[in-house]
Amino acid sequence: MKKKYRIKKNDDFQLVFKKGKSFANRQFVVYKLKREDSNHFRIGLSVSKKNWKRCLSKPD
């Protein structure tokens, strides 16, 4: 994925968390925020501290 499509800065994540809409199921929470000044979407992934070690571990 090209760098211009990534969300990496904390300020960008906070903006999406505060002003965006969320959709949730048992595994994920997805936030979206429509930006009028952009004609492409950007993606960022966030993992809670509780689940961080599970994300890095190898599957059995």
C-alpha atoms as a PDB file:
ATOM      1  CA  MET A   1       0.000   0.000   0.000  1.00  0.00           C
ATOM      2  CA  LYS A   2       1.320   3.441  -0.890  1.00  0.00           C
ATOM      3  CA  LYS A   3       2.282   5.709   2.002  1.00  0.00           C
ATOM      4  CA  LYS A   4      -0.255   8.368   1.042  1.00  0.00           C
ATOM      5  CA  TYR A   5      -3.043   5.865   1.790  1.00  0.00           C
ATOM      6  CA  ARG A   6      -1.853   5.051   5.323  1.00  0.00           C
ATOM      7  CA  ILE A   7      -2.935   6.652   8.570  1.00  0.00           C
ATOM      8  CA  LYS A   8       0.043   6.671  10.913  1.00  0.00           C
ATOM      9  CA  LYS A   9      -0.084   9.870  12.954  1.00  0.00           C
ATOM     10  CA  ASN A  10      -1.805   9.882  16.325  1.00  0.00           C
ATOM     11  CA  ASP A  11      -3.583  13.155  15.475  1.00  0.00           C
ATOM     12  CA  ASP A  12      -5.138  11.563  12.381  1.00  0.00           C
ATOM     13  CA  PHE A  13      -6.384   8.585  14.404  1.00  0.00           C
ATOM     14  CA  GLN A  14      -7.820  10.873  17.087  1.00  0.00           C
ATOM     15  CA  LEU A  15      -9.712  12.884  14.452  1.00  0.00           C
ATOM     16  CA  VAL A  16     -11.315   9.732  13.056  1.00  0.00           C
ATOM     17  CA  PHE A  17     -12.159   8.428  16.553  1.00  0.00           C
ATOM     18  CA  LYS A  18     -13.777  11.728  17.583  1.00  0.00           C
ATOM     19  CA  LYS A  19     -15.592  12.813  14.419  1.00  0.00           C
ATOM     20  CA  GLY A  20     -16.081   9.574  12.515  1.00  0.00           C
ATOM     21  CA  LYS A  21     -18.815   6.963  12.637  1.00  0.00           C
ATOM     22  CA  SER A  22     -18.186   3.486  14.014  1.00  0.00           C
ATOM     23  CA  PHE A  23     -19.441   0.031  13.112  1.00  0.00           C
ATOM     24  CA  ALA A  24     -18.730  -2.957  15.329  1.00  0.00           C
ATOM     25  CA  ASN A  25     -19.022  -6.711  15.527  1.00  0.00           C
ATOM     26  CA  ARG A  26     -17.422  -9.251  17.863  1.00  0.00           C
ATOM     27  CA  GLN A  27     -13.980  -9.076  16.243  1.00  0.00           C
ATOM     28  CA  PHE A  28     -13.582  -5.507  14.958  1.00  0.00           C
ATOM     29  CA  VAL A  29     -14.590  -1.916  15.362  1.00  0.00           C
ATOM     30  CA  VAL A  30     -14.366   0.041  12.108  1.00  0.00           C
ATOM     31  CA  TYR A  31     -14.312   3.837  12.076  1.00  0.00           C
ATOM     32  CA  LYS A  32     -14.936   5.933   8.986  1.00  0.00           C
ATOM     33  CA  LEU A  33     -14.711   9.643   8.323  1.00  0.00           C
ATOM     34  CA  LYS A  34     -15.603  11.172   4.974  1.00  0.00           C
ATOM     35  CA  ARG A  35     -13.146  13.828   3.860  1.00  0.00           C
ATOM     36  CA  GLU A  36     -14.344  16.295   1.241  1.00  0.00           C
ATOM     37  CA  ASP A  37     -10.783  17.380   0.413  1.00  0.00           C
ATOM     38  CA  SER A  38      -9.692  13.890  -0.679  1.00  0.00           C
ATOM     39  CA  ASN A  39     -10.793  11.611  -3.500  1.00  0.00           C
ATOM     40  CA  HIS A  40      -9.240   8.433  -2.054  1.00  0.00           C
ATOM     41  CA  PHE A  41      -9.597   6.598   1.230  1.00  0.00           C
ATOM     42  CA  ARG A  42      -6.900   6.015   3.833  1.00  0.00           C
ATOM     43  CA  ILE A  43      -6.477   3.046   6.166  1.00  0.00           C
ATOM     44  CA  GLY A  44      -4.990   2.699   9.622  1.00  0.00           C
ATOM     45  CA  LEU A  45      -4.953  -0.278  11.967  1.00  0.00           C
ATOM     46  CA  SER A  46      -5.042  -0.001  15.723  1.00  0.00           C
ATOM     47  CA  VAL A  47      -4.604  -2.892  18.168  1.00  0.00           C
ATOM     48  CA  SER A  48      -5.367  -2.637  21.881  1.00  0.00           C
ATOM     49  CA  LYS A  49      -2.567  -3.271  24.372  1.00  0.00           C
ATOM     50  CA  LYS A  50      -4.578  -6.222  25.650  1.00  0.00           C
ATOM     51  CA  ASN A  51      -4.388  -7.962  22.252  1.00  0.00           C
ATOM     52  CA  TRP A  52      -0.942  -6.786  21.105  1.00  0.00           C
ATOM     53  CA  LYS A  53       0.946  -9.962  22.093  1.00  0.00           C
ATOM     54  CA  ARG A  54      -1.642 -12.139  20.360  1.00  0.00           C
ATOM     55  CA  CYS A  55      -1.144 -10.185  17.140  1.00  0.00           C
ATOM     56  CA  LEU A  56       2.584 -10.829  17.194  1.00  0.00           C
ATOM     57  CA  SER A  57       2.505 -14.486  18.195  1.00  0.00           C
ATOM     58  CA  LYS A  58       2.763 -17.288  15.670  1.00  0.00           C
ATOM     59  CA  PRO A  59      -0.329 -19.438  15.147  1.00  0.00           C
ATOM     60  CA  ASP A  60      -0.226 -23.002  16.490  1.00  0.00           C
END
